[in-house]
Amino acid sequence: MEEAFFEDRDSFSCSICLDILKDPVTTSCGHSYCMGCIEGCWDQDDLKGVYSCPECRQTFVQRPVLNRNTLLVIVVEKLKHTALHTAPPAHCFAGPGDVECDFCTGRKHKAIMSCLACLASYCETHLQPHYDVPALKKHMLVKASTQLQEKICSHHDKLLEVYCRTDQQCICLLCVMDEHKGHDTVSAAAERTEKQKQVGEKQQKSQQRIQEREKEMQELRQAVDSLKLSAQAAVDDSQRIFAELIRTMETRCSEVKELIRAQENAEVNQAEGLLERLEQEVAELRRRDAELEQFSHTEDNIQFLQRFKDHSAPPVSEEMPEKLIDAELEQFSHTEDNIQFLQRFKDHSAPPVSEEMPISAAVVAVHILQSAKPSTRAAASGPQYNGKVLSRRQF
């Protein structure tokens, strides 16, 4: 009874609401409906004055009197009660994408196996005969598939179980005797074994090639990492070298500045000494000039002649030469072209410095003041630098 309820649900369903009968009634023509469904249907027929059965379309001039089918009520209620306790799980029914059982009626159950001999799919219940009946035990069962028709020959509706090597396609036994007669044919299982061997060889070669490529990739990654490390080491060494060069240049720059300042102080001190002597000489000359001016206005001839001897004596030193600096050097100092000035600066500087000479030694060799030969012994007795007399124009 339970199996009848699940597999022949339509027998206990109302054809109007398509659900299990509720308060079932049976018409005189033998069809059963829900009390509410048939009453509602005939309520619409009141305007016509003619009533009909929704199933067979039998008409009634007068509206039939409906009585509750007591037996059917008991059966349906019992089946409903049984269904609540024995209803199969929801996952047993076929859903979207599932293979439906070909032998289920009503709501289809999900097929679990397909028979290549019967060319049908079965749920767990309907598959049981293939395990129990000796004749069905010989059938080949495979996992339920929606592509079952692809295993059937389109010409003979037989199972494809032979492989034609000549045409390289699967065929049935009737095809071997028909259009593939005389072709090189083998069983599908034998060809599968051969093809499987070829697939295994290709897979082995593919895996070997993958291993080779992975090894090459690993070596390439190691080479890239080594290159990065080498480049970083070169950058670090360059930074270290340039940092040392910068420190050395800064140290040399400081030494050059100190040497230049020391030389400047020495030269300035000598120049200031010469300036002081010149100032003294000028003061003495002015004093003597004032005396001569006063002496020149002496009105007494005798007194003038008597004192002339005292004022005719030569001065202690003669006048310093107006220009002791070299004319060529003076012309070079007025050069307006900066590029020409820098290019000729070496020719007018101190004696050339050897490329191998240290920076400090080259600075010592530079002469800030140029030499000039004195015109008198008094000028020669003035301040000297490196044995050369310093002129006024050199300050």
Foldseek 3Di string as FASTA:
>chain_A
DLVCCQQVVQVQAAPQVRHGADQWWADPVGDIHHPVRQVVQVVVCVVVQWHADPPPRDIDNDDDDIDGPVVSVVVSVVNVVVCVVPPDDPQQFDDPPFDFFPPGHDGTGGFFKAWLQVLGTHGPVVCVCLVVPPVNVPTDIDGDDPCSCVQADPPPRHGFFKAFPVVGGTDDPVCCVPVVPPTDMDTPVVVCVVVVVVVVVVVVVVVVVVVVVVVVVVVVVVVVVVVVVVVVVVVVVVVVVVVVVVVVVVVLVVLLVVLVVVLVVVVVVQVVQLVVVVVVVVVVVVVLVVVVVVLVPDPDPVVSVVCVVVSPDDDPDDDWDPDFDDPVVVVLVPDPDPVVNVVCVQVPWFPDDDPPDDPNVVSVRTDLFDAGDTPDVVQLVGGDDPSGGGDPVSD
